[in-house]
Amino acid sequence: MQQTDEKEAITLRLNTLHLEHRDLDAVITQLSSQIKADQLQLKRMKKRKLWLKDIISKLESKLIPDLNA
């Protein structure tokens, strides 16, 4: 039972992170097309997006069952 709750919590967290990742991607794309875009802000957003991708990958790997058979 506890394992199911943990998987549900991870899945919920993943959904939130995927949403934030998509939103950041849209904002980055929009800012990149502007001539006078704030390059520092853009760089920070890209770093945040990469960090989110790393966290998403780690959480997704937790959902993969161990194959120690």
Protein backbone atom coordinates (compact mmCIF):
# COMPACT_ATOMS: atom_id res chain seq x y z
CA MET A 1 0.00 0.00 0.00
CA GLN A 2 2.78 2.42 0.88
CA GLN A 3 4.50 1.70 -2.43
CA THR A 4 1.32 2.64 -4.32
CA ASP A 5 1.07 5.93 -2.43
CA GLU A 6 4.69 6.70 -3.26
CA LYS A 7 4.11 5.99 -6.96
CA GLU A 8 1.04 8.22 -6.96
CA ALA A 9 3.00 11.02 -5.30
CA ILE A 10 5.81 10.67 -7.84
CA THR A 11 3.31 10.66 -10.71
CA LEU A 12 1.63 13.79 -9.38
CA ARG A 13 5.00 15.52 -8.98
CA LEU A 14 5.98 14.46 -12.51
CA ASN A 15 2.80 15.95 -13.95
CA THR A 16 3.54 19.25 -12.22
CA LEU A 17 7.15 19.28 -13.41
CA HIS A 18 6.16 18.40 -16.99
CA LEU A 19 3.70 21.29 -16.99
CA GLU A 20 6.33 23.73 -15.71
CA HIS A 21 8.83 22.41 -18.30
CA ARG A 22 6.32 22.95 -21.12
CA ASP A 23 5.46 26.44 -19.88
CA LEU A 24 9.13 27.40 -19.67
CA ASP A 25 9.71 26.07 -23.17
CA ALA A 26 6.90 28.26 -24.51
CA VAL A 27 8.20 31.36 -22.72
CA ILE A 28 11.77 30.70 -23.87
CA THR A 29 10.61 30.31 -27.45
CA GLN A 30 8.64 33.55 -27.24
CA LEU A 31 11.49 35.51 -25.63
CA SER A 32 14.03 34.14 -28.11
CA SER A 33 12.07 35.60 -30.98
CA GLN A 34 12.16 39.10 -29.49
CA ILE A 35 14.95 41.42 -30.58
CA LYS A 36 15.46 43.03 -27.18
CA ALA A 37 15.07 39.93 -25.04
CA ASP A 38 16.75 39.94 -21.64
CA GLN A 39 19.60 37.49 -22.25
CA LEU A 40 20.29 36.93 -18.55
CA GLN A 41 16.66 36.07 -17.89
CA LEU A 42 16.65 33.78 -20.91
CA LYS A 43 19.79 32.02 -19.71
CA ARG A 44 18.28 31.48 -16.25
CA MET A 45 15.12 30.05 -17.76
CA LYS A 46 17.12 27.64 -19.89
CA LYS A 47 19.08 26.49 -16.83
CA ARG A 48 15.81 25.98 -14.93
CA LYS A 49 14.42 24.00 -17.86
CA LEU A 50 17.48 21.73 -17.89
CA TRP A 51 17.25 21.26 -14.13
CA LEU A 52 13.59 20.30 -14.50
CA LYS A 53 14.50 17.79 -17.20
CA ASP A 54 17.06 16.18 -14.88
CA ILE A 55 14.58 15.94 -12.01
CA ILE A 56 11.92 14.51 -14.33
CA SER A 57 14.36 11.85 -15.54
CA LYS A 58 15.28 10.87 -11.98
CA LEU A 59 11.66 10.60 -10.90
CA GLU A 60 10.70 8.61 -13.99
CA SER A 61 13.51 6.16 -13.29
CA LYS A 62 12.03 5.61 -9.80
CA LEU A 63 8.81 4.43 -11.43
CA ILE A 64 10.62 1.71 -13.40
CA PRO A 65 10.48 -1.55 -11.44
CA ASP A 66 13.73 -3.25 -10.49
CA LEU A 67 14.45 -6.39 -12.49
CA ASN A 68 16.50 -8.36 -9.97
CA ALA A 69 14.98 -11.68 -11.02
